[in-house]
Every structure is written in structure tokens, then in C-alpha cells.
C-alpha atoms as a PDB file:
ATOM      1  CA  MET A   1      -0.035   0.013  -0.024  1.00  0.00           C
ATOM      2  CA  THR A   2       1.562   3.253  -0.994  1.00  0.00           C
ATOM      3  CA  GLN A   3      -1.331   5.741  -0.112  1.00  0.00           C
ATOM      4  CA  ASP A   4      -4.487   5.858   1.832  1.00  0.00           C
ATOM      5  CA  THR A   5      -7.039   8.359   2.851  1.00  0.00           C
ATOM      6  CA  SER A   6      -8.706   9.455   5.950  1.00  0.00           C
ATOM      7  CA  GLU A   7     -12.244  10.858   5.801  1.00  0.00           C
ATOM      8  CA  VAL A   8     -12.602  14.268   7.540  1.00  0.00           C
ATOM      9  CA  THR A   9     -16.054  15.411   8.493  1.00  0.00           C
ATOM     10  CA  TRP A  10     -17.476  18.503  10.165  1.00  0.00           C
ATOM     11  CA  THR A  11     -20.617  20.368  10.763  1.00  0.00           C
ATOM     12  CA  GLU A  12     -21.742  23.289   8.648  1.00  0.00           C
ATOM     13  CA  PRO A  13     -21.674  26.692  10.495  1.00  0.00           C
ATOM     14  CA  THR A  14     -25.030  27.870  11.829  1.00  0.00           C
ATOM     15  CA  ALA A  15     -24.312  31.501  10.636  1.00  0.00           C
ATOM     16  CA  THR A  16     -23.378  31.520   7.009  1.00  0.00           C
ATOM     17  CA  GLY A  17     -23.142  35.213   6.478  1.00  0.00           C
ATOM     18  CA  GLY A  18     -26.220  35.794   4.415  1.00  0.00           C
ATOM     19  CA  SER A  19     -25.355  33.251   1.688  1.00  0.00           C
ATOM     20  CA  GLN A  20     -24.893  29.530   1.475  1.00  0.00           C
ATOM     21  CA  ILE A  21     -21.471  28.079   2.004  1.00  0.00           C
ATOM     22  CA  HIS A  22     -19.883  27.917  -1.321  1.00  0.00           C
ATOM     23  CA  HIS A  23     -16.686  25.751  -0.275  1.00  0.00           C
ATOM     24  CA  TYR A  24     -14.338  25.265   2.599  1.00  0.00           C
ATOM     25  CA  ARG A  25     -10.597  25.503   3.454  1.00  0.00           C
ATOM     26  CA  ILE A  26      -8.941  22.753   5.367  1.00  0.00           C
ATOM     27  CA  PHE A  27      -5.711  23.473   7.207  1.00  0.00           C
ATOM     28  CA  VAL A  28      -3.578  20.602   8.107  1.00  0.00           C
ATOM     29  CA  THR A  29      -0.369  20.711  10.122  1.00  0.00           C
ATOM     30  CA  GLU A  30       1.749  18.161  11.807  1.00  0.00           C
ATOM     31  CA  ARG A  31       1.395  18.547  15.547  1.00  0.00           C
ATOM     32  CA  ASP A  32       5.177  18.725  16.322  1.00  0.00           C
ATOM     33  CA  ASN A  33       5.920  20.856  13.215  1.00  0.00           C
ATOM     34  CA  ALA A  34       3.392  23.779  13.172  1.00  0.00           C
ATOM     35  CA  ALA A  35       5.575  25.733  10.536  1.00  0.00           C
ATOM     36  CA  ASN A  36       4.413  23.360   7.744  1.00  0.00           C
ATOM     37  CA  VAL A  37       0.859  24.000   6.986  1.00  0.00           C
ATOM     38  CA  ALA A  38      -1.054  22.350   4.143  1.00  0.00           C
ATOM     39  CA  ARG A  39      -4.106  24.327   2.817  1.00  0.00           C
ATOM     40  CA  ILE A  40      -6.753  22.522   0.898  1.00  0.00           C
ATOM     41  CA  GLU A  41      -9.574  24.116  -0.879  1.00  0.00           C
ATOM     42  CA  THR A  42     -12.684  21.891  -1.235  1.00  0.00           C
ATOM     43  CA  SER A  43     -14.592  21.956  -4.629  1.00  0.00           C
ATOM     44  CA  GLY A  44     -18.064  22.421  -3.018  1.00  0.00           C
ATOM     45  CA  ASN A  45     -19.928  22.667   0.133  1.00  0.00           C
ATOM     46  CA  LYS A  46     -19.842  19.068   1.288  1.00  0.00           C
ATOM     47  CA  THR A  47     -18.935  18.635   4.881  1.00  0.00           C
ATOM     48  CA  THR A  48     -16.828  15.691   4.217  1.00  0.00           C
ATOM     49  CA  TYR A  49     -13.433  15.485   2.545  1.00  0.00           C
ATOM     50  CA  ASN A  50     -11.093  12.456   1.948  1.00  0.00           C
ATOM     51  CA  LEU A  51      -7.722  13.581   2.963  1.00  0.00           C
ATOM     52  CA  LYS A  52      -4.810  11.814   1.273  1.00  0.00           C
ATOM     53  CA  THR A  53      -2.573  10.300   4.015  1.00  0.00           C
ATOM     54  CA  PRO A  54       0.621   9.078   2.156  1.00  0.00           C
ATOM     55  CA  ARG A  55       3.076   6.980   3.864  1.00  0.00           C
ATOM     56  CA  ALA A  56       5.107  10.073   4.999  1.00  0.00           C
ATOM     57  CA  MET A  57       2.067  10.884   7.370  1.00  0.00           C
ATOM     58  CA  TRP A  58       1.734   7.378   8.966  1.00  0.00           C
ATOM     59  CA  GLY A  59       2.334   7.094  12.698  1.00  0.00           C
ATOM     60  CA  LYS A  60       2.045  10.906  13.208  1.00  0.00           C
ATOM     61  CA  ASP A  61      -0.344  13.340  15.006  1.00  0.00           C
ATOM     62  CA  TYR A  62      -1.971  16.192  13.046  1.00  0.00           C
ATOM     63  CA  ILE A  63      -3.883  19.249  13.790  1.00  0.00           C
ATOM     64  CA  ILE A  64      -6.771  20.230  11.528  1.00  0.00           C
ATOM     65  CA  MET A  65      -8.795  23.386  11.305  1.00  0.00           C
ATOM     66  CA  ILE A  66     -11.723  24.222   9.002  1.00  0.00           C
ATOM     67  CA  GLN A  67     -12.913  27.506   7.469  1.00  0.00           C
ATOM     68  CA  ALA A  68     -16.054  28.184   5.585  1.00  0.00           C
ATOM     69  CA  ILE A  69     -16.273  30.509   2.596  1.00  0.00           C
ATOM     70  CA  ASN A  70     -19.771  31.537   1.488  1.00  0.00           C
ATOM     71  CA  GLY A  71     -21.233  32.698  -1.860  1.00  0.00           C
ATOM     72  CA  PHE A  72     -20.289  36.405  -1.239  1.00  0.00           C
ATOM     73  CA  HIS A  73     -16.654  35.247  -0.654  1.00  0.00           C
ATOM     74  CA  LYS A  74     -17.018  36.099   3.236  1.00  0.00           C
ATOM     75  CA  ILE A  75     -14.635  34.012   5.220  1.00  0.00           C
ATOM     76  CA  SER A  76     -15.416  32.517   8.488  1.00  0.00           C
ATOM     77  CA  LEU A  77     -13.073  32.311  11.563  1.00  0.00           C
ATOM     78  CA  LEU A  78     -11.152  29.051  11.839  1.00  0.00           C
ATOM     79  CA  SER A  79     -12.627  26.278  13.555  1.00  0.00           C
ATOM     80  CA  GLU A  80     -11.256  24.970  16.957  1.00  0.00           C
ATOM     81  CA  PRO A  81      -8.374  22.717  16.242  1.00  0.00           C
ATOM     82  CA  ALA A  82      -8.847  19.047  16.187  1.00  0.00           C
ATOM     83  CA  ILE A  83      -6.049  16.526  16.757  1.00  0.00           C
ATOM     84  CA  PHE A  84      -6.029  13.247  14.707  1.00  0.00           C
ATOM     85  CA  SER A  85      -3.604  10.387  14.306  1.00  0.00           C
ATOM     86  CA  VAL A  86      -2.660   8.741  10.901  1.00  0.00           C
ATOM     87  CA  ASN A  87      -2.258   5.033  11.778  1.00  0.00           C
ATOM     88  CA  ASP A  88       0.475   3.016  10.238  1.00  0.00           C
ATOM     89  CA  PRO A  89      -1.071   0.118   8.755  1.00  0.00           C
ATOM     90  CA  LEU A  90       2.033  -1.822   8.585  1.00  0.00           C
ATOM     91  CA  LYS A  91       2.669  -1.482  12.428  1.00  0.00           C
ATOM     92  CA  ASP A  92      -1.162  -1.948  13.359  1.00  0.00           C
ATOM     93  CA  ASN A  93      -1.093  -5.335  11.657  1.00  0.00           C
ATOM     94  CA  LEU A  94       1.854  -6.611  13.554  1.00  0.00           C
ATOM     95  CA  LYS A  95       1.163  -8.762  16.532  1.00  0.00           C
ATOM     96  CA  VAL A  96       2.728  -7.526  19.797  1.00  0.00           C
ATOM     97  CA  GLN A  97       3.742 -10.171  22.284  1.00  0.00           C
ATOM     98  CA  LEU A  98       3.763  -8.672  25.874  1.00  0.00           C
ATOM     99  CA  PRO A  99       6.634  -9.802  28.012  1.00  0.00           C
ATOM    100  CA  SER A 100       6.024 -11.964  31.033  1.00  0.00           C
ATOM    101  CA  PRO A 101       5.664 -10.001  34.169  1.00  0.00           C
ATOM    102  CA  ILE A 102       8.053 -10.140  37.066  1.00  0.00           C
ATOM    103  CA  ILE A 103       5.972 -11.605  39.868  1.00  0.00           C
ATOM    104  CA  GLU A 104       8.557 -11.854  42.543  1.00  0.00           C
ATOM    105  CA  LEU A 105      10.808  -8.928  43.722  1.00  0.00           C
ATOM    106  CA  SER A 106      12.904  -8.680  46.939  1.00  0.00           C
ATOM    107  CA  ALA A 107      15.212  -6.125  48.457  1.00  0.00           C
ATOM    108  CA  LEU A 108      18.618  -7.877  49.472  1.00  0.00           C
ATOM    109  CA  ASP A 109      20.087  -4.894  51.082  1.00  0.00           C
ATOM    110  CA  ALA A 110      19.150  -1.174  51.483  1.00  0.00           C
ATOM    111  CA  ASN A 111      20.847   1.783  52.854  1.00  0.00           C
ATOM    112  CA  SER A 112      20.999   5.575  52.052  1.00  0.00           C
ATOM    113  CA  GLN A 113      23.313   4.906  49.288  1.00  0.00           C
ATOM    114  CA  LYS A 114      22.314   1.715  47.645  1.00  0.00           C
ATOM    115  CA  VAL A 115      19.413  -0.561  47.162  1.00  0.00           C
ATOM    116  CA  SER A 116      20.082  -4.021  45.986  1.00  0.00           C
ATOM    117  CA  LEU A 117      17.081  -5.920  44.370  1.00  0.00           C
ATOM    118  CA  SER A 118      16.597  -9.426  43.263  1.00  0.00           C
ATOM    119  CA  TRP A 119      13.936 -10.950  40.983  1.00  0.00           C
ATOM    120  CA  THR A 120      13.255 -14.122  39.106  1.00  0.00           C
ATOM    121  CA  ASP A 121      14.747 -14.097  35.571  1.00  0.00           C
ATOM    122  CA  VAL A 122      12.202 -13.426  32.806  1.00  0.00           C
ATOM    123  CA  SER A 123      13.411 -15.568  29.691  1.00  0.00           C
ATOM    124  CA  ASP A 124      11.660 -13.280  27.109  1.00  0.00           C
ATOM    125  CA  ALA A 125      13.000  -9.879  28.661  1.00  0.00           C
ATOM    126  CA  TYR A 126      15.341  -7.784  26.460  1.00  0.00           C
ATOM    127  CA  ASP A 127      16.045  -5.404  29.349  1.00  0.00           C
ATOM    128  CA  TYR A 128      14.611  -4.353  32.671  1.00  0.00           C
ATOM    129  CA  LYS A 129      13.170  -0.911  33.746  1.00  0.00           C
ATOM    130  CA  LEU A 130      12.805   0.141  37.376  1.00  0.00           C
ATOM    131  CA  TYR A 131      10.218   2.898  38.330  1.00  0.00           C
ATOM    132  CA  TRP A 132      10.866   4.311  41.749  1.00  0.00           C
ATOM    133  CA  ASP A 133       8.087   5.993  43.745  1.00  0.00           C
ATOM    134  CA  ARG A 134       9.403   7.812  46.664  1.00  0.00           C
ATOM    135  CA  GLY A 135       6.003   8.359  48.094  1.00  0.00           C
ATOM    136  CA  GLU A 136       4.842  11.579  49.633  1.00  0.00           C
ATOM    137  CA  SER A 137       7.550  13.769  51.040  1.00  0.00           C
END
């Protein structure tokens, strides 16, 4: 698969400025790169649009805003921003095997400088991560 689409839908504004909506502008920007904004003009007044989401967009979050233009060429304010994610179909189809949990953990020694821990080996573990909660101070 080299390209896919995501359907974007919105509600027509209640105040149209005295004329029917002629078309819409759709602004799409990557959530982490607001400098690069794609501006799309729709060809009509439908409140749906099939946004092309090529492979370069897969696995990223985007911000989208809509603007209405009526028959008198009056332009609405931008809509509130909506955030959407473009799924990576290659990763979504992969089955993820969760590692076995550590079910027994014990402290061998503890002092103000060092804590020694011991746990049962987990055969399918690549590495171990320790999260420390100091509790309330």
C-alpha cells in the first residue's frame, strides 16, 4: 500500500453570513511541526473530505482546522483545532507479544546510598526498567 485516505467530517456553521456556503478551506499541520501547514480548498460545500494520507504521514499526529467561505466570498473564522492520528497500517497489523511480568521482587540490602534488588529471571525480557516511587515527602 503506497497511499491511503482519511475521511474528515465537520458540521456546517449555523451562521453563514447571508449566503450559502460555497466551499471550505482545510488546514492540516503536523502536531510537532506547526511551521508546515497544508491548505486545501474543497470543490464544493460538502462537509466531508477524503484527506490523502501518504506513507510520510503514517504514525504521526496532526492538527486540522476548517474555514467556511460563502457565496459572497465572506470567510469564517477558523474552527477550533482538532487533533487526529494517522495510523501506520504496517505496524497496526503486527502482533505484539507482551513480555512476561516479574512476579517476585525482593530487596537484598538497602541503605541511604544503595538498594540491591533481586527478581526471578524473565526469559523473554530484553532489558529491565525500574520505576521508583518515593512516596509523599
